[in-house]
Structure formats: C-alpha cells, structure tokens
Amino acid sequence: MFANSREVQSNQDGVHADLEKVVRRHLASPWLAPVADFDCEAFDQACRWRQAHGPDLPLMLDSGCGTGRSSVRLAQSHPDALVIGVDQSADRLSKAERRFAPLPDNLLLVRSDCAGLWRLMVEAGWQLARHQILYPNPWPKSAHLKRRWHGHPVWPAVLALGGELELRSNWRVYLEEVRATLALSHCQAVIQPLAGEGVPMTDFEEKYQASGQVNWQLIAKL
C-alpha cells in the first residue's frame, strides 16, 4: 500500500563515530578515479544546452531526481533559472518525460552518475545557485557510511559547486551527519521538519507523508 512505508531501520542511532576521520581524509585528498564515458557525454549535453539557453542565467541542480517530479517543480518555481535534473537510471528519466510532458523549457534531464557529473562541473568552473539532493535515506547501515554522499570521496565537489544546498530525508540521523560534515568546512546548516500539509517534492516524500512519518529538511549556504 502507498501509505504503508516502514520507518528507516538502522544499527546506527546517532552521528557515525568515524564520520570526522573519513570526511577529513576526503577533504585532504583529491579523488582521482576516472570519470565514465557516459558521464562525459552527459556533461557535454549539459554544456550545449546551457550555452543555447543562457550561460549567464542562474543554474540549479536536482541530483538523483528519479522520475523528475522535483526537477519539474524546481523549474516551474524558478522560470528565470536553468535547471538540470540528473539520475543514473534511463528508465526513471523516460518515465519523467512521459509523466510531465511537455517539460518546462528551462529544464534538462540527463542520465549520469552524480559523482562523475559533479566532478566535471567543478573542473569546468561551474557554480550553482541551488543544489538539491532529495533522495531520502541512502545506506542506513553503519557499515555503509562511505556510500552516503557526505562520506563519499566526491563530497568536496559538492562543496565546490556552492550555492544553497538542500537535502530531505525521513531519517534524521542522515541529515545530522550532513550538518556535522558541513561544520568541518565551516558551513552552517539548519534542520527542520517539513510541514505535514505541504505539497511533496518527490514521490518518496509523498509516501512517507501518507505513512505518518516526519520528513526532515536540511538547508545550508555553501
């Protein structure tokens, strides 16, 4: 059932004990893994689209956009900005094309791994006005810290892209870790519950709301 979502199950009930050690290592050592060809192709597509639609317009990124609901909302609410929604699944993106056709003119959906695309954007000197990462509860097991974005070696690229950063989740520990990670780079973040009657940005958010769970929001200025 749509309103029958279970709360996050984790063997971790607070910020991970190894968080600072892992993050400081990534901040001190550039990640040198090769970027995949399809990430390069996606970035080339984004470059051409941005050049054609206004390279001087504010740029916003919706990372892990899934079926595009949040990307469409972002583009509609910021008609004077360019919005790029990125997801690694071609199937999810094709659903977005069908579900929200026609897409707003100021929105581009691209298939790419976020980690590769972020690095290419940083190398090209791109700066974001806004960056949202709304996938709610990645890797809740304690052993999976390094698979969460803030524990991943690509995290410095998120910081370098700048702008207003927003994350949402139904697992507050995840956002508490992001806040602690940002503090290591002297960035302040605010965590607050989303209003229960608010319009959901994603299908996940709608599902958790219907299941009576609290959706949490983190906002930071990078």
C-alpha atoms as a PDB file:
ATOM      1  CA  MET A   1       0.000   0.000   0.000  1.00  0.00           C
ATOM      2  CA  PHE A   2       1.149   3.528  -0.765  1.00  0.00           C
ATOM      3  CA  ALA A   3       0.706   4.686   2.842  1.00  0.00           C
ATOM      4  CA  ASN A   4       2.353   1.611   4.358  1.00  0.00           C
ATOM      5  CA  SER A   5       6.011   2.673   4.281  1.00  0.00           C
ATOM      6  CA  ARG A   6       8.183   1.434   7.151  1.00  0.00           C
ATOM      7  CA  GLU A   7      10.451   3.781   9.046  1.00  0.00           C
ATOM      8  CA  VAL A   8      14.191   3.526   8.431  1.00  0.00           C
ATOM      9  CA  GLN A   9      15.817   0.557  10.156  1.00  0.00           C
ATOM     10  CA  SER A  10      19.447   1.108  11.153  1.00  0.00           C
ATOM     11  CA  ASN A  11      22.006  -0.177  13.626  1.00  0.00           C
ATOM     12  CA  GLN A  12      23.107   3.451  13.990  1.00  0.00           C
ATOM     13  CA  ASP A  13      21.178   5.856  16.222  1.00  0.00           C
ATOM     14  CA  GLY A  14      23.434   8.915  16.003  1.00  0.00           C
ATOM     15  CA  VAL A  15      26.244  10.501  14.004  1.00  0.00           C
ATOM     16  CA  HIS A  16      28.749   7.835  12.944  1.00  0.00           C
ATOM     17  CA  ALA A  17      31.807   7.607  15.194  1.00  0.00           C
ATOM     18  CA  ASP A  18      34.146   7.577  12.182  1.00  0.00           C
ATOM     19  CA  LEU A  19      32.480  10.465  10.342  1.00  0.00           C
ATOM     20  CA  GLU A  20      35.070  13.174  11.057  1.00  0.00           C
ATOM     21  CA  LYS A  21      38.021  10.912  10.252  1.00  0.00           C
ATOM     22  CA  VAL A  22      36.512   9.837   6.925  1.00  0.00           C
ATOM     23  CA  VAL A  23      35.460  13.332   5.880  1.00  0.00           C
ATOM     24  CA  ARG A  24      38.775  14.966   6.767  1.00  0.00           C
ATOM     25  CA  ARG A  25      40.610  12.358   4.708  1.00  0.00           C
ATOM     26  CA  HIS A  26      38.444  13.133   1.680  1.00  0.00           C
ATOM     27  CA  LEU A  27      38.813  16.873   2.150  1.00  0.00           C
ATOM     28  CA  ALA A  28      42.597  16.499   2.211  1.00  0.00           C
ATOM     29  CA  SER A  29      42.980  14.104  -0.726  1.00  0.00           C
ATOM     30  CA  PRO A  30      41.523  14.779  -4.194  1.00  0.00           C
ATOM     31  CA  TRP A  31      39.566  11.873  -5.657  1.00  0.00           C
ATOM     32  CA  LEU A  32      41.371  10.740  -8.796  1.00  0.00           C
ATOM     33  CA  ALA A  33      39.140   7.904 -10.033  1.00  0.00           C
ATOM     34  CA  PRO A  34      38.478   8.082 -13.794  1.00  0.00           C
ATOM     35  CA  VAL A  35      35.182   9.567 -14.973  1.00  0.00           C
ATOM     36  CA  ALA A  36      32.990   7.259 -17.059  1.00  0.00           C
ATOM     37  CA  ASP A  37      32.425   7.984 -20.735  1.00  0.00           C
ATOM     38  CA  PHE A  38      28.662   8.308 -20.300  1.00  0.00           C
ATOM     39  CA  ASP A  39      29.231  10.962 -17.603  1.00  0.00           C
ATOM     40  CA  CYS A  40      31.403  12.916 -20.044  1.00  0.00           C
ATOM     41  CA  GLU A  41      28.690  12.600 -22.683  1.00  0.00           C
ATOM     42  CA  ALA A  42      26.071  13.834 -20.228  1.00  0.00           C
ATOM     43  CA  PHE A  43      28.228  16.818 -19.302  1.00  0.00           C
ATOM     44  CA  ASP A  44      28.769  17.667 -22.974  1.00  0.00           C
ATOM     45  CA  GLN A  45      24.993  17.562 -23.448  1.00  0.00           C
ATOM     46  CA  ALA A  46      24.514  19.851 -20.449  1.00  0.00           C
ATOM     47  CA  CYS A  47      27.157  22.270 -21.759  1.00  0.00           C
ATOM     48  CA  ARG A  48      25.474  22.555 -25.146  1.00  0.00           C
ATOM     49  CA  TRP A  49      22.052  23.010 -23.593  1.00  0.00           C
ATOM     50  CA  ARG A  50      23.282  25.645 -21.151  1.00  0.00           C
ATOM     51  CA  GLN A  51      25.065  27.552 -23.906  1.00  0.00           C
ATOM     52  CA  ALA A  52      21.925  27.543 -26.053  1.00  0.00           C
ATOM     53  CA  HIS A  53      19.553  28.548 -23.255  1.00  0.00           C
ATOM     54  CA  GLY A  54      21.585  31.208 -21.475  1.00  0.00           C
ATOM     55  CA  PRO A  55      25.014  30.552 -19.946  1.00  0.00           C
ATOM     56  CA  ASP A  56      24.674  33.599 -17.683  1.00  0.00           C
ATOM     57  CA  LEU A  57      21.377  32.515 -16.117  1.00  0.00           C
ATOM     58  CA  PRO A  58      21.386  31.097 -12.568  1.00  0.00           C
ATOM     59  CA  LEU A  59      21.989  27.354 -12.625  1.00  0.00           C
ATOM     60  CA  MET A  60      20.219  24.876 -10.351  1.00  0.00           C
ATOM     61  CA  LEU A  61      20.864  21.145  -9.993  1.00  0.00           C
ATOM     62  CA  ASP A  62      18.483  18.406  -8.856  1.00  0.00           C
ATOM     63  CA  SER A  63      20.718  15.412  -8.137  1.00  0.00           C
ATOM     64  CA  GLY A  64      19.160  11.961  -8.039  1.00  0.00           C
ATOM     65  CA  CYS A  65      15.948  13.358  -9.499  1.00  0.00           C
ATOM     66  CA  GLY A  66      14.364   9.957 -10.177  1.00  0.00           C
ATOM     67  CA  THR A  67      11.193  10.377 -12.202  1.00  0.00           C
ATOM     68  CA  GLY A  68      11.649  14.137 -12.337  1.00  0.00           C
ATOM     69  CA  ARG A  69       8.866  15.397 -10.093  1.00  0.00           C
ATOM     70  CA  SER A  70      11.169  17.609  -8.040  1.00  0.00           C
ATOM     71  CA  SER A  71      13.010  18.863 -11.133  1.00  0.00           C
ATOM     72  CA  VAL A  72       9.784  19.996 -12.776  1.00  0.00           C
ATOM     73  CA  ARG A  73       8.684  21.750  -9.586  1.00  0.00           C
ATOM     74  CA  LEU A  74      12.054  23.482  -9.292  1.00  0.00           C
ATOM     75  CA  ALA A  75      11.993  24.659 -12.910  1.00  0.00           C
ATOM     76  CA  GLN A  76       8.414  25.896 -12.652  1.00  0.00           C
ATOM     77  CA  SER A  77       9.139  27.845  -9.470  1.00  0.00           C
ATOM     78  CA  HIS A  78      12.310  29.433 -10.917  1.00  0.00           C
ATOM     79  CA  PRO A  79      11.449  30.346 -14.530  1.00  0.00           C
ATOM     80  CA  ASP A  80      14.418  32.719 -14.763  1.00  0.00           C
ATOM     81  CA  ALA A  81      16.935  29.967 -13.932  1.00  0.00           C
ATOM     82  CA  LEU A  82      18.222  26.893 -15.754  1.00  0.00           C
ATOM     83  CA  VAL A  83      17.541  23.586 -14.008  1.00  0.00           C
ATOM     84  CA  ILE A  84      19.319  20.301 -14.648  1.00  0.00           C
ATOM     85  CA  GLY A  85      17.850  17.107 -13.221  1.00  0.00           C
ATOM     86  CA  VAL A  86      20.249  14.176 -13.136  1.00  0.00           C
ATOM     87  CA  ASP A  87      19.639  10.486 -12.455  1.00  0.00           C
ATOM     88  CA  GLN A  88      21.596   7.350 -13.324  1.00  0.00           C
ATOM     89  CA  SER A  89      18.503   5.441 -14.471  1.00  0.00           C
ATOM     90  CA  ALA A  90      17.392   5.847 -18.082  1.00  0.00           C
ATOM     91  CA  ASP A  91      14.130   4.103 -17.184  1.00  0.00           C
ATOM     92  CA  ARG A  92      13.248   6.608 -14.460  1.00  0.00           C
ATOM     93  CA  LEU A  93      14.081   9.535 -16.718  1.00  0.00           C
ATOM     94  CA  SER A  94      11.943   8.139 -19.541  1.00  0.00           C
ATOM     95  CA  LYS A  95       9.046   7.962 -17.085  1.00  0.00           C
ATOM     96  CA  ALA A  96       9.631  11.622 -16.299  1.00  0.00           C
ATOM     97  CA  GLU A  97       9.454  12.508 -19.990  1.00  0.00           C
ATOM     98  CA  ARG A  98       6.076  10.764 -20.270  1.00  0.00           C
ATOM     99  CA  ARG A  99       4.634  11.805 -16.924  1.00  0.00           C
ATOM    100  CA  PHE A 100       5.369  15.526 -17.153  1.00  0.00           C
ATOM    101  CA  ALA A 101       5.309  16.154 -20.897  1.00  0.00           C
ATOM    102  CA  PRO A 102       5.867  18.745 -22.079  1.00  0.00           C
ATOM    103  CA  LEU A 103       8.785  19.534 -19.770  1.00  0.00           C
ATOM    104  CA  PRO A 104       9.454  23.179 -18.893  1.00  0.00           C
ATOM    105  CA  ASP A 105      11.729  24.888 -21.422  1.00  0.00           C
ATOM    106  CA  ASN A 106      14.229  25.732 -18.674  1.00  0.00           C
ATOM    107  CA  LEU A 107      14.651  22.087 -17.595  1.00  0.00           C
ATOM    108  CA  LEU A 108      17.099  19.473 -18.879  1.00  0.00           C
ATOM    109  CA  LEU A 109      17.026  15.867 -17.662  1.00  0.00           C
ATOM    110  CA  VAL A 110      20.266  13.938 -18.160  1.00  0.00           C
ATOM    111  CA  ARG A 111      21.353  10.382 -17.415  1.00  0.00           C
ATOM    112  CA  SER A 112      24.578  10.387 -15.447  1.00  0.00           C
ATOM    113  CA  ASP A 113      26.176   9.236 -12.239  1.00  0.00           C
ATOM    114  CA  CYS A 114      26.058  12.247  -9.925  1.00  0.00           C
ATOM    115  CA  ALA A 115      29.613  11.727  -8.719  1.00  0.00           C
ATOM    116  CA  GLY A 116      31.020  11.925 -12.234  1.00  0.00           C
ATOM    117  CA  LEU A 117      28.889  14.864 -13.329  1.00  0.00           C
ATOM    118  CA  TRP A 118      29.675  16.886 -10.201  1.00  0.00           C
ATOM    119  CA  ARG A 119      33.411  16.494 -10.751  1.00  0.00           C
ATOM    120  CA  LEU A 120      33.144  17.584 -14.391  1.00  0.00           C
ATOM    121  CA  MET A 121      31.124  20.632 -13.395  1.00  0.00           C
ATOM    122  CA  VAL A 122      33.737  21.604 -10.825  1.00  0.00           C
ATOM    123  CA  GLU A 123      36.575  21.140 -13.317  1.00  0.00           C
ATOM    124  CA  ALA A 124      34.728  23.462 -15.717  1.00  0.00           C
ATOM    125  CA  GLY A 125      34.282  26.096 -13.012  1.00  0.00           C
ATOM    126  CA  TRP A 126      30.505  25.849 -12.807  1.00  0.00           C
ATOM    127  CA  GLN A 127      28.803  27.431  -9.813  1.00  0.00           C
ATOM    128  CA  LEU A 128      25.280  26.622  -8.701  1.00  0.00           C
ATOM    129  CA  ALA A 129      22.635  28.941  -7.336  1.00  0.00           C
ATOM    130  CA  ARG A 130      20.892  25.948  -5.787  1.00  0.00           C
ATOM    131  CA  HIS A 131      21.619  22.237  -5.377  1.00  0.00           C
ATOM    132  CA  GLN A 132      19.022  19.810  -4.080  1.00  0.00           C
ATOM    133  CA  ILE A 133      19.608  16.170  -3.186  1.00  0.00           C
ATOM    134  CA  LEU A 134      16.229  14.821  -2.175  1.00  0.00           C
ATOM    135  CA  TYR A 135      16.721  11.037  -2.244  1.00  0.00           C
ATOM    136  CA  PRO A 136      15.679  10.361   1.349  1.00  0.00           C
ATOM    137  CA  ASN A 137      17.580   7.614   3.188  1.00  0.00           C
ATOM    138  CA  PRO A 138      20.590   6.173   1.377  1.00  0.00           C
ATOM    139  CA  TRP A 139      22.568   3.384   3.018  1.00  0.00           C
ATOM    140  CA  PRO A 140      21.267   3.371   6.619  1.00  0.00           C
ATOM    141  CA  LYS A 141      23.566   0.585   7.875  1.00  0.00           C
ATOM    142  CA  SER A 142      26.541   1.783   9.897  1.00  0.00           C
ATOM    143  CA  ALA A 143      28.946  -0.132   7.666  1.00  0.00           C
ATOM    144  CA  HIS A 144      27.756   1.906   4.678  1.00  0.00           C
ATOM    145  CA  LEU A 145      28.948   5.342   5.832  1.00  0.00           C
ATOM    146  CA  LYS A 146      31.270   5.725   2.833  1.00  0.00           C
ATOM    147  CA  ARG A 147      28.355   5.123   0.462  1.00  0.00           C
ATOM    148  CA  ARG A 148      26.470   8.160   1.739  1.00  0.00           C
ATOM    149  CA  TRP A 149      27.293  11.318  -0.204  1.00  0.00           C
ATOM    150  CA  HIS A 150      28.893  13.104   2.748  1.00  0.00           C
ATOM    151  CA  GLY A 151      31.090  10.040   3.434  1.00  0.00           C
ATOM    152  CA  HIS A 152      31.996   9.575  -0.228  1.00  0.00           C
ATOM    153  CA  PRO A 153      35.271  10.897  -1.709  1.00  0.00           C
ATOM    154  CA  VAL A 154      33.261  13.088  -4.113  1.00  0.00           C
ATOM    155  CA  TRP A 155      31.956  15.243  -1.239  1.00  0.00           C
ATOM    156  CA  PRO A 156      34.479  18.074  -1.825  1.00  0.00           C
ATOM    157  CA  ALA A 157      32.900  18.528  -5.273  1.00  0.00           C
ATOM    158  CA  VAL A 158      29.525  19.194  -3.648  1.00  0.00           C
ATOM    159  CA  LEU A 159      31.137  21.918  -1.558  1.00  0.00           C
ATOM    160  CA  ALA A 160      32.953  23.399  -4.563  1.00  0.00           C
ATOM    161  CA  LEU A 161      29.729  23.718  -6.575  1.00  0.00           C
ATOM    162  CA  GLY A 162      28.440  26.160  -3.963  1.00  0.00           C
ATOM    163  CA  GLY A 163      25.000  27.702  -3.789  1.00  0.00           C
ATOM    164  CA  GLU A 164      22.127  26.861  -1.488  1.00  0.00           C
ATOM    165  CA  LEU A 165      22.194  23.171  -0.620  1.00  0.00           C
ATOM    166  CA  GLU A 166      19.031  21.316   0.356  1.00  0.00           C
ATOM    167  CA  LEU A 167      18.646  17.699   1.405  1.00  0.00           C
ATOM    168  CA  ARG A 168      15.479  15.958   2.558  1.00  0.00           C
ATOM    169  CA  SER A 169      15.028  12.650   4.325  1.00  0.00           C
ATOM    170  CA  ASN A 170      12.770  10.683   6.641  1.00  0.00           C
ATOM    171  CA  TRP A 171      15.909   9.626   8.571  1.00  0.00           C
ATOM    172  CA  ARG A 172      17.110  12.499  10.715  1.00  0.00           C
ATOM    173  CA  VAL A 173      20.454  10.832  11.523  1.00  0.00           C
ATOM    174  CA  TYR A 174      21.413  11.137   7.855  1.00  0.00           C
ATOM    175  CA  LEU A 175      20.851  14.888   7.920  1.00  0.00           C
ATOM    176  CA  GLU A 176      22.569  15.243  11.291  1.00  0.00           C
ATOM    177  CA  GLU A 177      25.634  13.671   9.688  1.00  0.00           C
ATOM    178  CA  VAL A 178      25.448  16.080   6.755  1.00  0.00           C
ATOM    179  CA  ARG A 179      25.258  19.003   9.179  1.00  0.00           C
ATOM    180  CA  ALA A 180      28.280  17.699  11.110  1.00  0.00           C
ATOM    181  CA  THR A 181      30.154  17.196   7.831  1.00  0.00           C
ATOM    182  CA  LEU A 182      29.392  20.743   6.674  1.00  0.00           C
ATOM    183  CA  ALA A 183      30.595  22.103  10.020  1.00  0.00           C
ATOM    184  CA  LEU A 184      34.040  20.634   9.297  1.00  0.00           C
ATOM    185  CA  SER A 185      34.179  23.063   6.346  1.00  0.00           C
ATOM    186  CA  HIS A 186      32.817  25.951   8.434  1.00  0.00           C
ATOM    187  CA  CYS A 187      29.374  25.812   6.819  1.00  0.00           C
ATOM    188  CA  GLN A 188      26.291  26.126   8.996  1.00  0.00           C
ATOM    189  CA  ALA A 189      23.159  24.117   8.271  1.00  0.00           C
ATOM    190  CA  VAL A 190      19.637  24.134   9.665  1.00  0.00           C
ATOM    191  CA  ILE A 191      17.497  21.009  10.057  1.00  0.00           C
ATOM    192  CA  GLN A 192      13.761  21.275  10.462  1.00  0.00           C
ATOM    193  CA  PRO A 193      10.673  19.132   9.894  1.00  0.00           C
ATOM    194  CA  LEU A 194       8.678  19.793   6.752  1.00  0.00           C
ATOM    195  CA  ALA A 195       5.111  20.927   7.230  1.00  0.00           C
ATOM    196  CA  GLY A 196       2.870  17.877   7.008  1.00  0.00           C
ATOM    197  CA  GLU A 197       0.365  19.659   4.812  1.00  0.00           C
ATOM    198  CA  GLY A 198       2.977  20.882   2.326  1.00  0.00           C
ATOM    199  CA  VAL A 199       2.976  19.728  -1.288  1.00  0.00           C
ATOM    200  CA  PRO A 200       5.522  16.868  -1.594  1.00  0.00           C
ATOM    201  CA  MET A 201       8.501  17.465  -3.877  1.00  0.00           C
ATOM    202  CA  THR A 202       9.088  13.770  -4.579  1.00  0.00           C
ATOM    203  CA  ASP A 203       7.164  10.509  -4.652  1.00  0.00           C
ATOM    204  CA  PHE A 204       9.219   9.322  -1.673  1.00  0.00           C
ATOM    205  CA  GLU A 205       8.190  12.368   0.305  1.00  0.00           C
ATOM    206  CA  GLU A 206       4.520  11.824  -0.528  1.00  0.00           C
ATOM    207  CA  LYS A 207       4.763   8.177   0.502  1.00  0.00           C
ATOM    208  CA  TYR A 208       6.341   8.958   3.864  1.00  0.00           C
ATOM    209  CA  GLN A 209       3.879  11.761   4.489  1.00  0.00           C
ATOM    210  CA  ALA A 210       0.963   9.413   3.786  1.00  0.00           C
ATOM    211  CA  SER A 211       2.536   6.853   6.157  1.00  0.00           C
ATOM    212  CA  GLY A 212       2.602   9.368   9.007  1.00  0.00           C
ATOM    213  CA  GLN A 213       6.382   9.757   9.040  1.00  0.00           C
ATOM    214  CA  VAL A 214       8.220  13.032   9.561  1.00  0.00           C
ATOM    215  CA  ASN A 215      10.094  14.363   6.539  1.00  0.00           C
ATOM    216  CA  TRP A 216      13.166  16.397   7.508  1.00  0.00           C
ATOM    217  CA  GLN A 217      14.841  19.203   5.576  1.00  0.00           C
ATOM    218  CA  LEU A 218      18.414  20.485   5.748  1.00  0.00           C
ATOM    219  CA  ILE A 219      19.337  23.867   4.281  1.00  0.00           C
ATOM    220  CA  ALA A 220      22.862  25.271   4.042  1.00  0.00           C
ATOM    221  CA  LYS A 221      24.613  28.110   2.236  1.00  0.00           C
ATOM    222  CA  LEU A 222      27.846  26.893   0.661  1.00  0.00           C
END
